[in-house]
Amino acid sequence: SPLEVDDEASELVCTNTECGLAYP
């Protein structure tokens, strides 16, 4: 699934609600 930026946490977060993994 696509990833979205979380600047505050310095992570890329999966947009799939079932997955939702956050990559540093």
PDBML (XML) file of the C-alpha atoms, coordinates in Angstrom:
<?xml version="1.0" encoding="UTF-8" ?>
<PDBx:datablock datablockName="MODEL"
   xmlns:PDBx="http://pdbml.pdb.org/schema/pdbx-v50.xsd"
   xmlns:xsi="http://www.w3.org/2001/XMLSchema-instance"
   xsi:schemaLocation="http://pdbml.pdb.org/schema/pdbx-v50.xsd pdbx-v50.xsd">
   <PDBx:atom_siteCategory>
      <PDBx:atom_site id="1">
         <PDBx:B_iso_or_equiv>0.00</PDBx:B_iso_or_equiv>
         <PDBx:Cartn_x>0.000</PDBx:Cartn_x>
         <PDBx:Cartn_y>0.000</PDBx:Cartn_y>
         <PDBx:Cartn_z>0.000</PDBx:Cartn_z>
         <PDBx:auth_asym_id>A</PDBx:auth_asym_id>
         <PDBx:auth_atom_id>CA</PDBx:auth_atom_id>
         <PDBx:auth_comp_id>SER</PDBx:auth_comp_id>
         <PDBx:auth_seq_id>1</PDBx:auth_seq_id>
         <PDBx:group_PDB>ATOM</PDBx:group_PDB>
         <PDBx:label_alt_id xsi:nil="true" />
         <PDBx:label_asym_id>A</PDBx:label_asym_id>
         <PDBx:label_atom_id>CA</PDBx:label_atom_id>
         <PDBx:label_comp_id>SER</PDBx:label_comp_id>
         <PDBx:label_entity_id>1</PDBx:label_entity_id>
         <PDBx:label_seq_id>1</PDBx:label_seq_id>
         <PDBx:occupancy>1.00</PDBx:occupancy>
         <PDBx:pdbx_PDB_model_num>1</PDBx:pdbx_PDB_model_num>
         <PDBx:type_symbol>C</PDBx:type_symbol>
      </PDBx:atom_site>
      <PDBx:atom_site id="2">
         <PDBx:B_iso_or_equiv>0.00</PDBx:B_iso_or_equiv>
         <PDBx:Cartn_x>1.080</PDBx:Cartn_x>
         <PDBx:Cartn_y>3.644</PDBx:Cartn_y>
         <PDBx:Cartn_z>-0.376</PDBx:Cartn_z>
         <PDBx:auth_asym_id>A</PDBx:auth_asym_id>
         <PDBx:auth_atom_id>CA</PDBx:auth_atom_id>
         <PDBx:auth_comp_id>PRO</PDBx:auth_comp_id>
         <PDBx:auth_seq_id>2</PDBx:auth_seq_id>
         <PDBx:group_PDB>ATOM</PDBx:group_PDB>
         <PDBx:label_alt_id xsi:nil="true" />
         <PDBx:label_asym_id>A</PDBx:label_asym_id>
         <PDBx:label_atom_id>CA</PDBx:label_atom_id>
         <PDBx:label_comp_id>PRO</PDBx:label_comp_id>
         <PDBx:label_entity_id>1</PDBx:label_entity_id>
         <PDBx:label_seq_id>2</PDBx:label_seq_id>
         <PDBx:occupancy>1.00</PDBx:occupancy>
         <PDBx:pdbx_PDB_model_num>1</PDBx:pdbx_PDB_model_num>
         <PDBx:type_symbol>C</PDBx:type_symbol>
      </PDBx:atom_site>
      <PDBx:atom_site id="3">
         <PDBx:B_iso_or_equiv>0.00</PDBx:B_iso_or_equiv>
         <PDBx:Cartn_x>2.986</PDBx:Cartn_x>
         <PDBx:Cartn_y>5.331</PDBx:Cartn_y>
         <PDBx:Cartn_z>2.441</PDBx:Cartn_z>
         <PDBx:auth_asym_id>A</PDBx:auth_asym_id>
         <PDBx:auth_atom_id>CA</PDBx:auth_atom_id>
         <PDBx:auth_comp_id>LEU</PDBx:auth_comp_id>
         <PDBx:auth_seq_id>3</PDBx:auth_seq_id>
         <PDBx:group_PDB>ATOM</PDBx:group_PDB>
         <PDBx:label_alt_id xsi:nil="true" />
         <PDBx:label_asym_id>A</PDBx:label_asym_id>
         <PDBx:label_atom_id>CA</PDBx:label_atom_id>
         <PDBx:label_comp_id>LEU</PDBx:label_comp_id>
         <PDBx:label_entity_id>1</PDBx:label_entity_id>
         <PDBx:label_seq_id>3</PDBx:label_seq_id>
         <PDBx:occupancy>1.00</PDBx:occupancy>
         <PDBx:pdbx_PDB_model_num>1</PDBx:pdbx_PDB_model_num>
         <PDBx:type_symbol>C</PDBx:type_symbol>
      </PDBx:atom_site>
      <PDBx:atom_site id="4">
         <PDBx:B_iso_or_equiv>0.00</PDBx:B_iso_or_equiv>
         <PDBx:Cartn_x>2.300</PDBx:Cartn_x>
         <PDBx:Cartn_y>8.739</PDBx:Cartn_y>
         <PDBx:Cartn_z>3.961</PDBx:Cartn_z>
         <PDBx:auth_asym_id>A</PDBx:auth_asym_id>
         <PDBx:auth_atom_id>CA</PDBx:auth_atom_id>
         <PDBx:auth_comp_id>GLU</PDBx:auth_comp_id>
         <PDBx:auth_seq_id>4</PDBx:auth_seq_id>
         <PDBx:group_PDB>ATOM</PDBx:group_PDB>
         <PDBx:label_alt_id xsi:nil="true" />
         <PDBx:label_asym_id>A</PDBx:label_asym_id>
         <PDBx:label_atom_id>CA</PDBx:label_atom_id>
         <PDBx:label_comp_id>GLU</PDBx:label_comp_id>
         <PDBx:label_entity_id>1</PDBx:label_entity_id>
         <PDBx:label_seq_id>4</PDBx:label_seq_id>
         <PDBx:occupancy>1.00</PDBx:occupancy>
         <PDBx:pdbx_PDB_model_num>1</PDBx:pdbx_PDB_model_num>
         <PDBx:type_symbol>C</PDBx:type_symbol>
      </PDBx:atom_site>
      <PDBx:atom_site id="5">
         <PDBx:B_iso_or_equiv>0.00</PDBx:B_iso_or_equiv>
         <PDBx:Cartn_x>4.742</PDBx:Cartn_x>
         <PDBx:Cartn_y>11.033</PDBx:Cartn_y>
         <PDBx:Cartn_z>5.744</PDBx:Cartn_z>
         <PDBx:auth_asym_id>A</PDBx:auth_asym_id>
         <PDBx:auth_atom_id>CA</PDBx:auth_atom_id>
         <PDBx:auth_comp_id>VAL</PDBx:auth_comp_id>
         <PDBx:auth_seq_id>5</PDBx:auth_seq_id>
         <PDBx:group_PDB>ATOM</PDBx:group_PDB>
         <PDBx:label_alt_id xsi:nil="true" />
         <PDBx:label_asym_id>A</PDBx:label_asym_id>
         <PDBx:label_atom_id>CA</PDBx:label_atom_id>
         <PDBx:label_comp_id>VAL</PDBx:label_comp_id>
         <PDBx:label_entity_id>1</PDBx:label_entity_id>
         <PDBx:label_seq_id>5</PDBx:label_seq_id>
         <PDBx:occupancy>1.00</PDBx:occupancy>
         <PDBx:pdbx_PDB_model_num>1</PDBx:pdbx_PDB_model_num>
         <PDBx:type_symbol>C</PDBx:type_symbol>
      </PDBx:atom_site>
      <PDBx:atom_site id="6">
         <PDBx:B_iso_or_equiv>0.00</PDBx:B_iso_or_equiv>
         <PDBx:Cartn_x>4.545</PDBx:Cartn_x>
         <PDBx:Cartn_y>11.605</PDBx:Cartn_y>
         <PDBx:Cartn_z>9.498</PDBx:Cartn_z>
         <PDBx:auth_asym_id>A</PDBx:auth_asym_id>
         <PDBx:auth_atom_id>CA</PDBx:auth_atom_id>
         <PDBx:auth_comp_id>ASP</PDBx:auth_comp_id>
         <PDBx:auth_seq_id>6</PDBx:auth_seq_id>
         <PDBx:group_PDB>ATOM</PDBx:group_PDB>
         <PDBx:label_alt_id xsi:nil="true" />
         <PDBx:label_asym_id>A</PDBx:label_asym_id>
         <PDBx:label_atom_id>CA</PDBx:label_atom_id>
         <PDBx:label_comp_id>ASP</PDBx:label_comp_id>
         <PDBx:label_entity_id>1</PDBx:label_entity_id>
         <PDBx:label_seq_id>6</PDBx:label_seq_id>
         <PDBx:occupancy>1.00</PDBx:occupancy>
         <PDBx:pdbx_PDB_model_num>1</PDBx:pdbx_PDB_model_num>
         <PDBx:type_symbol>C</PDBx:type_symbol>
      </PDBx:atom_site>
      <PDBx:atom_site id="7">
         <PDBx:B_iso_or_equiv>0.00</PDBx:B_iso_or_equiv>
         <PDBx:Cartn_x>7.008</PDBx:Cartn_x>
         <PDBx:Cartn_y>14.482</PDBx:Cartn_y>
         <PDBx:Cartn_z>9.936</PDBx:Cartn_z>
         <PDBx:auth_asym_id>A</PDBx:auth_asym_id>
         <PDBx:auth_atom_id>CA</PDBx:auth_atom_id>
         <PDBx:auth_comp_id>ASP</PDBx:auth_comp_id>
         <PDBx:auth_seq_id>7</PDBx:auth_seq_id>
         <PDBx:group_PDB>ATOM</PDBx:group_PDB>
         <PDBx:label_alt_id xsi:nil="true" />
         <PDBx:label_asym_id>A</PDBx:label_asym_id>
         <PDBx:label_atom_id>CA</PDBx:label_atom_id>
         <PDBx:label_comp_id>ASP</PDBx:label_comp_id>
         <PDBx:label_entity_id>1</PDBx:label_entity_id>
         <PDBx:label_seq_id>7</PDBx:label_seq_id>
         <PDBx:occupancy>1.00</PDBx:occupancy>
         <PDBx:pdbx_PDB_model_num>1</PDBx:pdbx_PDB_model_num>
         <PDBx:type_symbol>C</PDBx:type_symbol>
      </PDBx:atom_site>
      <PDBx:atom_site id="8">
         <PDBx:B_iso_or_equiv>0.00</PDBx:B_iso_or_equiv>
         <PDBx:Cartn_x>6.465</PDBx:Cartn_x>
         <PDBx:Cartn_y>14.690</PDBx:Cartn_y>
         <PDBx:Cartn_z>13.687</PDBx:Cartn_z>
         <PDBx:auth_asym_id>A</PDBx:auth_asym_id>
         <PDBx:auth_atom_id>CA</PDBx:auth_atom_id>
         <PDBx:auth_comp_id>GLU</PDBx:auth_comp_id>
         <PDBx:auth_seq_id>8</PDBx:auth_seq_id>
         <PDBx:group_PDB>ATOM</PDBx:group_PDB>
         <PDBx:label_alt_id xsi:nil="true" />
         <PDBx:label_asym_id>A</PDBx:label_asym_id>
         <PDBx:label_atom_id>CA</PDBx:label_atom_id>
         <PDBx:label_comp_id>GLU</PDBx:label_comp_id>
         <PDBx:label_entity_id>1</PDBx:label_entity_id>
         <PDBx:label_seq_id>8</PDBx:label_seq_id>
         <PDBx:occupancy>1.00</PDBx:occupancy>
         <PDBx:pdbx_PDB_model_num>1</PDBx:pdbx_PDB_model_num>
         <PDBx:type_symbol>C</PDBx:type_symbol>
      </PDBx:atom_site>
      <PDBx:atom_site id="9">
         <PDBx:B_iso_or_equiv>0.00</PDBx:B_iso_or_equiv>
         <PDBx:Cartn_x>7.542</PDBx:Cartn_x>
         <PDBx:Cartn_y>11.072</PDBx:Cartn_y>
         <PDBx:Cartn_z>14.251</PDBx:Cartn_z>
         <PDBx:auth_asym_id>A</PDBx:auth_asym_id>
         <PDBx:auth_atom_id>CA</PDBx:auth_atom_id>
         <PDBx:auth_comp_id>ALA</PDBx:auth_comp_id>
         <PDBx:auth_seq_id>9</PDBx:auth_seq_id>
         <PDBx:group_PDB>ATOM</PDBx:group_PDB>
         <PDBx:label_alt_id xsi:nil="true" />
         <PDBx:label_asym_id>A</PDBx:label_asym_id>
         <PDBx:label_atom_id>CA</PDBx:label_atom_id>
         <PDBx:label_comp_id>ALA</PDBx:label_comp_id>
         <PDBx:label_entity_id>1</PDBx:label_entity_id>
         <PDBx:label_seq_id>9</PDBx:label_seq_id>
         <PDBx:occupancy>1.00</PDBx:occupancy>
         <PDBx:pdbx_PDB_model_num>1</PDBx:pdbx_PDB_model_num>
         <PDBx:type_symbol>C</PDBx:type_symbol>
      </PDBx:atom_site>
      <PDBx:atom_site id="10">
         <PDBx:B_iso_or_equiv>0.00</PDBx:B_iso_or_equiv>
         <PDBx:Cartn_x>10.035</PDBx:Cartn_x>
         <PDBx:Cartn_y>10.983</PDBx:Cartn_y>
         <PDBx:Cartn_z>11.324</PDBx:Cartn_z>
         <PDBx:auth_asym_id>A</PDBx:auth_asym_id>
         <PDBx:auth_atom_id>CA</PDBx:auth_atom_id>
         <PDBx:auth_comp_id>SER</PDBx:auth_comp_id>
         <PDBx:auth_seq_id>10</PDBx:auth_seq_id>
         <PDBx:group_PDB>ATOM</PDBx:group_PDB>
         <PDBx:label_alt_id xsi:nil="true" />
         <PDBx:label_asym_id>A</PDBx:label_asym_id>
         <PDBx:label_atom_id>CA</PDBx:label_atom_id>
         <PDBx:label_comp_id>SER</PDBx:label_comp_id>
         <PDBx:label_entity_id>1</PDBx:label_entity_id>
         <PDBx:label_seq_id>10</PDBx:label_seq_id>
         <PDBx:occupancy>1.00</PDBx:occupancy>
         <PDBx:pdbx_PDB_model_num>1</PDBx:pdbx_PDB_model_num>
         <PDBx:type_symbol>C</PDBx:type_symbol>
      </PDBx:atom_site>
      <PDBx:atom_site id="11">
         <PDBx:B_iso_or_equiv>0.00</PDBx:B_iso_or_equiv>
         <PDBx:Cartn_x>8.255</PDBx:Cartn_x>
         <PDBx:Cartn_y>7.964</PDBx:Cartn_y>
         <PDBx:Cartn_z>9.879</PDBx:Cartn_z>
         <PDBx:auth_asym_id>A</PDBx:auth_asym_id>
         <PDBx:auth_atom_id>CA</PDBx:auth_atom_id>
         <PDBx:auth_comp_id>GLU</PDBx:auth_comp_id>
         <PDBx:auth_seq_id>11</PDBx:auth_seq_id>
         <PDBx:group_PDB>ATOM</PDBx:group_PDB>
         <PDBx:label_alt_id xsi:nil="true" />
         <PDBx:label_asym_id>A</PDBx:label_asym_id>
         <PDBx:label_atom_id>CA</PDBx:label_atom_id>
         <PDBx:label_comp_id>GLU</PDBx:label_comp_id>
         <PDBx:label_entity_id>1</PDBx:label_entity_id>
         <PDBx:label_seq_id>11</PDBx:label_seq_id>
         <PDBx:occupancy>1.00</PDBx:occupancy>
         <PDBx:pdbx_PDB_model_num>1</PDBx:pdbx_PDB_model_num>
         <PDBx:type_symbol>C</PDBx:type_symbol>
      </PDBx:atom_site>
      <PDBx:atom_site id="12">
         <PDBx:B_iso_or_equiv>0.00</PDBx:B_iso_or_equiv>
         <PDBx:Cartn_x>6.548</PDBx:Cartn_x>
         <PDBx:Cartn_y>6.759</PDBx:Cartn_y>
         <PDBx:Cartn_z>6.747</PDBx:Cartn_z>
         <PDBx:auth_asym_id>A</PDBx:auth_asym_id>
         <PDBx:auth_atom_id>CA</PDBx:auth_atom_id>
         <PDBx:auth_comp_id>LEU</PDBx:auth_comp_id>
         <PDBx:auth_seq_id>12</PDBx:auth_seq_id>
         <PDBx:group_PDB>ATOM</PDBx:group_PDB>
         <PDBx:label_alt_id xsi:nil="true" />
         <PDBx:label_asym_id>A</PDBx:label_asym_id>
         <PDBx:label_atom_id>CA</PDBx:label_atom_id>
         <PDBx:label_comp_id>LEU</PDBx:label_comp_id>
         <PDBx:label_entity_id>1</PDBx:label_entity_id>
         <PDBx:label_seq_id>12</PDBx:label_seq_id>
         <PDBx:occupancy>1.00</PDBx:occupancy>
         <PDBx:pdbx_PDB_model_num>1</PDBx:pdbx_PDB_model_num>
         <PDBx:type_symbol>C</PDBx:type_symbol>
      </PDBx:atom_site>
      <PDBx:atom_site id="13">
         <PDBx:B_iso_or_equiv>0.00</PDBx:B_iso_or_equiv>
         <PDBx:Cartn_x>3.234</PDBx:Cartn_x>
         <PDBx:Cartn_y>5.178</PDBx:Cartn_y>
         <PDBx:Cartn_z>7.696</PDBx:Cartn_z>
         <PDBx:auth_asym_id>A</PDBx:auth_asym_id>
         <PDBx:auth_atom_id>CA</PDBx:auth_atom_id>
         <PDBx:auth_comp_id>VAL</PDBx:auth_comp_id>
         <PDBx:auth_seq_id>13</PDBx:auth_seq_id>
         <PDBx:group_PDB>ATOM</PDBx:group_PDB>
         <PDBx:label_alt_id xsi:nil="true" />
         <PDBx:label_asym_id>A</PDBx:label_asym_id>
         <PDBx:label_atom_id>CA</PDBx:label_atom_id>
         <PDBx:label_comp_id>VAL</PDBx:label_comp_id>
         <PDBx:label_entity_id>1</PDBx:label_entity_id>
         <PDBx:label_seq_id>13</PDBx:label_seq_id>
         <PDBx:occupancy>1.00</PDBx:occupancy>
         <PDBx:pdbx_PDB_model_num>1</PDBx:pdbx_PDB_model_num>
         <PDBx:type_symbol>C</PDBx:type_symbol>
      </PDBx:atom_site>
      <PDBx:atom_site id="14">
         <PDBx:B_iso_or_equiv>0.00</PDBx:B_iso_or_equiv>
         <PDBx:Cartn_x>1.344</PDBx:Cartn_x>
         <PDBx:Cartn_y>2.577</PDBx:Cartn_y>
         <PDBx:Cartn_z>5.680</PDBx:Cartn_z>
         <PDBx:auth_asym_id>A</PDBx:auth_asym_id>
         <PDBx:auth_atom_id>CA</PDBx:auth_atom_id>
         <PDBx:auth_comp_id>CYS</PDBx:auth_comp_id>
         <PDBx:auth_seq_id>14</PDBx:auth_seq_id>
         <PDBx:group_PDB>ATOM</PDBx:group_PDB>
         <PDBx:label_alt_id xsi:nil="true" />
         <PDBx:label_asym_id>A</PDBx:label_asym_id>
         <PDBx:label_atom_id>CA</PDBx:label_atom_id>
         <PDBx:label_comp_id>CYS</PDBx:label_comp_id>
         <PDBx:label_entity_id>1</PDBx:label_entity_id>
         <PDBx:label_seq_id>14</PDBx:label_seq_id>
         <PDBx:occupancy>1.00</PDBx:occupancy>
         <PDBx:pdbx_PDB_model_num>1</PDBx:pdbx_PDB_model_num>
         <PDBx:type_symbol>C</PDBx:type_symbol>
      </PDBx:atom_site>
      <PDBx:atom_site id="15">
         <PDBx:B_iso_or_equiv>0.00</PDBx:B_iso_or_equiv>
         <PDBx:Cartn_x>-2.066</PDBx:Cartn_x>
         <PDBx:Cartn_y>3.857</PDBx:Cartn_y>
         <PDBx:Cartn_z>4.566</PDBx:Cartn_z>
         <PDBx:auth_asym_id>A</PDBx:auth_asym_id>
         <PDBx:auth_atom_id>CA</PDBx:auth_atom_id>
         <PDBx:auth_comp_id>THR</PDBx:auth_comp_id>
         <PDBx:auth_seq_id>15</PDBx:auth_seq_id>
         <PDBx:group_PDB>ATOM</PDBx:group_PDB>
         <PDBx:label_alt_id xsi:nil="true" />
         <PDBx:label_asym_id>A</PDBx:label_asym_id>
         <PDBx:label_atom_id>CA</PDBx:label_atom_id>
         <PDBx:label_comp_id>THR</PDBx:label_comp_id>
         <PDBx:label_entity_id>1</PDBx:label_entity_id>
         <PDBx:label_seq_id>15</PDBx:label_seq_id>
         <PDBx:occupancy>1.00</PDBx:occupancy>
         <PDBx:pdbx_PDB_model_num>1</PDBx:pdbx_PDB_model_num>
         <PDBx:type_symbol>C</PDBx:type_symbol>
      </PDBx:atom_site>
      <PDBx:atom_site id="16">
         <PDBx:B_iso_or_equiv>0.00</PDBx:B_iso_or_equiv>
         <PDBx:Cartn_x>-3.642</PDBx:Cartn_x>
         <PDBx:Cartn_y>0.389</PDBx:Cartn_y>
         <PDBx:Cartn_z>4.803</PDBx:Cartn_z>
         <PDBx:auth_asym_id>A</PDBx:auth_asym_id>
         <PDBx:auth_atom_id>CA</PDBx:auth_atom_id>
         <PDBx:auth_comp_id>ASN</PDBx:auth_comp_id>
         <PDBx:auth_seq_id>16</PDBx:auth_seq_id>
         <PDBx:group_PDB>ATOM</PDBx:group_PDB>
         <PDBx:label_alt_id xsi:nil="true" />
         <PDBx:label_asym_id>A</PDBx:label_asym_id>
         <PDBx:label_atom_id>CA</PDBx:label_atom_id>
         <PDBx:label_comp_id>ASN</PDBx:label_comp_id>
         <PDBx:label_entity_id>1</PDBx:label_entity_id>
         <PDBx:label_seq_id>16</PDBx:label_seq_id>
         <PDBx:occupancy>1.00</PDBx:occupancy>
         <PDBx:pdbx_PDB_model_num>1</PDBx:pdbx_PDB_model_num>
         <PDBx:type_symbol>C</PDBx:type_symbol>
      </PDBx:atom_site>
      <PDBx:atom_site id="17">
         <PDBx:B_iso_or_equiv>0.00</PDBx:B_iso_or_equiv>
         <PDBx:Cartn_x>-5.587</PDBx:Cartn_x>
         <PDBx:Cartn_y>0.384</PDBx:Cartn_y>
         <PDBx:Cartn_z>8.089</PDBx:Cartn_z>
         <PDBx:auth_asym_id>A</PDBx:auth_asym_id>
         <PDBx:auth_atom_id>CA</PDBx:auth_atom_id>
         <PDBx:auth_comp_id>THR</PDBx:auth_comp_id>
         <PDBx:auth_seq_id>17</PDBx:auth_seq_id>
         <PDBx:group_PDB>ATOM</PDBx:group_PDB>
         <PDBx:label_alt_id xsi:nil="true" />
         <PDBx:label_asym_id>A</PDBx:label_asym_id>
         <PDBx:label_atom_id>CA</PDBx:label_atom_id>
         <PDBx:label_comp_id>THR</PDBx:label_comp_id>
         <PDBx:label_entity_id>1</PDBx:label_entity_id>
         <PDBx:label_seq_id>17</PDBx:label_seq_id>
         <PDBx:occupancy>1.00</PDBx:occupancy>
         <PDBx:pdbx_PDB_model_num>1</PDBx:pdbx_PDB_model_num>
         <PDBx:type_symbol>C</PDBx:type_symbol>
      </PDBx:atom_site>
      <PDBx:atom_site id="18">
         <PDBx:B_iso_or_equiv>0.00</PDBx:B_iso_or_equiv>
         <PDBx:Cartn_x>-5.139</PDBx:Cartn_x>
         <PDBx:Cartn_y>-3.385</PDBx:Cartn_y>
         <PDBx:Cartn_z>8.491</PDBx:Cartn_z>
         <PDBx:auth_asym_id>A</PDBx:auth_asym_id>
         <PDBx:auth_atom_id>CA</PDBx:auth_atom_id>
         <PDBx:auth_comp_id>GLU</PDBx:auth_comp_id>
         <PDBx:auth_seq_id>18</PDBx:auth_seq_id>
         <PDBx:group_PDB>ATOM</PDBx:group_PDB>
         <PDBx:label_alt_id xsi:nil="true" />
         <PDBx:label_asym_id>A</PDBx:label_asym_id>
         <PDBx:label_atom_id>CA</PDBx:label_atom_id>
         <PDBx:label_comp_id>GLU</PDBx:label_comp_id>
         <PDBx:label_entity_id>1</PDBx:label_entity_id>
         <PDBx:label_seq_id>18</PDBx:label_seq_id>
         <PDBx:occupancy>1.00</PDBx:occupancy>
         <PDBx:pdbx_PDB_model_num>1</PDBx:pdbx_PDB_model_num>
         <PDBx:type_symbol>C</PDBx:type_symbol>
      </PDBx:atom_site>
      <PDBx:atom_site id="19">
         <PDBx:B_iso_or_equiv>0.00</PDBx:B_iso_or_equiv>
         <PDBx:Cartn_x>-1.353</PDBx:Cartn_x>
         <PDBx:Cartn_y>-3.058</PDBx:Cartn_y>
         <PDBx:Cartn_z>8.210</PDBx:Cartn_z>
         <PDBx:auth_asym_id>A</PDBx:auth_asym_id>
         <PDBx:auth_atom_id>CA</PDBx:auth_atom_id>
         <PDBx:auth_comp_id>CYS</PDBx:auth_comp_id>
         <PDBx:auth_seq_id>19</PDBx:auth_seq_id>
         <PDBx:group_PDB>ATOM</PDBx:group_PDB>
         <PDBx:label_alt_id xsi:nil="true" />
         <PDBx:label_asym_id>A</PDBx:label_asym_id>
         <PDBx:label_atom_id>CA</PDBx:label_atom_id>
         <PDBx:label_comp_id>CYS</PDBx:label_comp_id>
         <PDBx:label_entity_id>1</PDBx:label_entity_id>
         <PDBx:label_seq_id>19</PDBx:label_seq_id>
         <PDBx:occupancy>1.00</PDBx:occupancy>
         <PDBx:pdbx_PDB_model_num>1</PDBx:pdbx_PDB_model_num>
         <PDBx:type_symbol>C</PDBx:type_symbol>
      </PDBx:atom_site>
      <PDBx:atom_site id="20">
         <PDBx:B_iso_or_equiv>0.00</PDBx:B_iso_or_equiv>
         <PDBx:Cartn_x>-0.487</PDBx:Cartn_x>
         <PDBx:Cartn_y>0.467</PDBx:Cartn_y>
         <PDBx:Cartn_z>9.399</PDBx:Cartn_z>
         <PDBx:auth_asym_id>A</PDBx:auth_asym_id>
         <PDBx:auth_atom_id>CA</PDBx:auth_atom_id>
         <PDBx:auth_comp_id>GLY</PDBx:auth_comp_id>
         <PDBx:auth_seq_id>20</PDBx:auth_seq_id>
         <PDBx:group_PDB>ATOM</PDBx:group_PDB>
         <PDBx:label_alt_id xsi:nil="true" />
         <PDBx:label_asym_id>A</PDBx:label_asym_id>
         <PDBx:label_atom_id>CA</PDBx:label_atom_id>
         <PDBx:label_comp_id>GLY</PDBx:label_comp_id>
         <PDBx:label_entity_id>1</PDBx:label_entity_id>
         <PDBx:label_seq_id>20</PDBx:label_seq_id>
         <PDBx:occupancy>1.00</PDBx:occupancy>
         <PDBx:pdbx_PDB_model_num>1</PDBx:pdbx_PDB_model_num>
         <PDBx:type_symbol>C</PDBx:type_symbol>
      </PDBx:atom_site>
      <PDBx:atom_site id="21">
         <PDBx:B_iso_or_equiv>0.00</PDBx:B_iso_or_equiv>
         <PDBx:Cartn_x>3.219</PDBx:Cartn_x>
         <PDBx:Cartn_y>-0.242</PDBx:Cartn_y>
         <PDBx:Cartn_z>9.905</PDBx:Cartn_z>
         <PDBx:auth_asym_id>A</PDBx:auth_asym_id>
         <PDBx:auth_atom_id>CA</PDBx:auth_atom_id>
         <PDBx:auth_comp_id>LEU</PDBx:auth_comp_id>
         <PDBx:auth_seq_id>21</PDBx:auth_seq_id>
         <PDBx:group_PDB>ATOM</PDBx:group_PDB>
         <PDBx:label_alt_id xsi:nil="true" />
         <PDBx:label_asym_id>A</PDBx:label_asym_id>
         <PDBx:label_atom_id>CA</PDBx:label_atom_id>
         <PDBx:label_comp_id>LEU</PDBx:label_comp_id>
         <PDBx:label_entity_id>1</PDBx:label_entity_id>
         <PDBx:label_seq_id>21</PDBx:label_seq_id>
         <PDBx:occupancy>1.00</PDBx:occupancy>
         <PDBx:pdbx_PDB_model_num>1</PDBx:pdbx_PDB_model_num>
         <PDBx:type_symbol>C</PDBx:type_symbol>
      </PDBx:atom_site>
      <PDBx:atom_site id="22">
         <PDBx:B_iso_or_equiv>0.00</PDBx:B_iso_or_equiv>
         <PDBx:Cartn_x>5.351</PDBx:Cartn_x>
         <PDBx:Cartn_y>2.852</PDBx:Cartn_y>
         <PDBx:Cartn_z>10.545</PDBx:Cartn_z>
         <PDBx:auth_asym_id>A</PDBx:auth_asym_id>
         <PDBx:auth_atom_id>CA</PDBx:auth_atom_id>
         <PDBx:auth_comp_id>ALA</PDBx:auth_comp_id>
         <PDBx:auth_seq_id>22</PDBx:auth_seq_id>
         <PDBx:group_PDB>ATOM</PDBx:group_PDB>
         <PDBx:label_alt_id xsi:nil="true" />
         <PDBx:label_asym_id>A</PDBx:label_asym_id>
         <PDBx:label_atom_id>CA</PDBx:label_atom_id>
         <PDBx:label_comp_id>ALA</PDBx:label_comp_id>
         <PDBx:label_entity_id>1</PDBx:label_entity_id>
         <PDBx:label_seq_id>22</PDBx:label_seq_id>
         <PDBx:occupancy>1.00</PDBx:occupancy>
         <PDBx:pdbx_PDB_model_num>1</PDBx:pdbx_PDB_model_num>
         <PDBx:type_symbol>C</PDBx:type_symbol>
      </PDBx:atom_site>
      <PDBx:atom_site id="23">
         <PDBx:B_iso_or_equiv>0.00</PDBx:B_iso_or_equiv>
         <PDBx:Cartn_x>8.821</PDBx:Cartn_x>
         <PDBx:Cartn_y>2.815</PDBx:Cartn_y>
         <PDBx:Cartn_z>8.995</PDBx:Cartn_z>
         <PDBx:auth_asym_id>A</PDBx:auth_asym_id>
         <PDBx:auth_atom_id>CA</PDBx:auth_atom_id>
         <PDBx:auth_comp_id>TYR</PDBx:auth_comp_id>
         <PDBx:auth_seq_id>23</PDBx:auth_seq_id>
         <PDBx:group_PDB>ATOM</PDBx:group_PDB>
         <PDBx:label_alt_id xsi:nil="true" />
         <PDBx:label_asym_id>A</PDBx:label_asym_id>
         <PDBx:label_atom_id>CA</PDBx:label_atom_id>
         <PDBx:label_comp_id>TYR</PDBx:label_comp_id>
         <PDBx:label_entity_id>1</PDBx:label_entity_id>
         <PDBx:label_seq_id>23</PDBx:label_seq_id>
         <PDBx:occupancy>1.00</PDBx:occupancy>
         <PDBx:pdbx_PDB_model_num>1</PDBx:pdbx_PDB_model_num>
         <PDBx:type_symbol>C</PDBx:type_symbol>
      </PDBx:atom_site>
      <PDBx:atom_site id="24">
         <PDBx:B_iso_or_equiv>0.00</PDBx:B_iso_or_equiv>
         <PDBx:Cartn_x>11.556</PDBx:Cartn_x>
         <PDBx:Cartn_y>5.023</PDBx:Cartn_y>
         <PDBx:Cartn_z>10.466</PDBx:Cartn_z>
         <PDBx:auth_asym_id>A</PDBx:auth_asym_id>
         <PDBx:auth_atom_id>CA</PDBx:auth_atom_id>
         <PDBx:auth_comp_id>PRO</PDBx:auth_comp_id>
         <PDBx:auth_seq_id>24</PDBx:auth_seq_id>
         <PDBx:group_PDB>ATOM</PDBx:group_PDB>
         <PDBx:label_alt_id xsi:nil="true" />
         <PDBx:label_asym_id>A</PDBx:label_asym_id>
         <PDBx:label_atom_id>CA</PDBx:label_atom_id>
         <PDBx:label_comp_id>PRO</PDBx:label_comp_id>
         <PDBx:label_entity_id>1</PDBx:label_entity_id>
         <PDBx:label_seq_id>24</PDBx:label_seq_id>
         <PDBx:occupancy>1.00</PDBx:occupancy>
         <PDBx:pdbx_PDB_model_num>1</PDBx:pdbx_PDB_model_num>
         <PDBx:type_symbol>C</PDBx:type_symbol>
      </PDBx:atom_site>
   </PDBx:atom_siteCategory>
</PDBx:datablock>
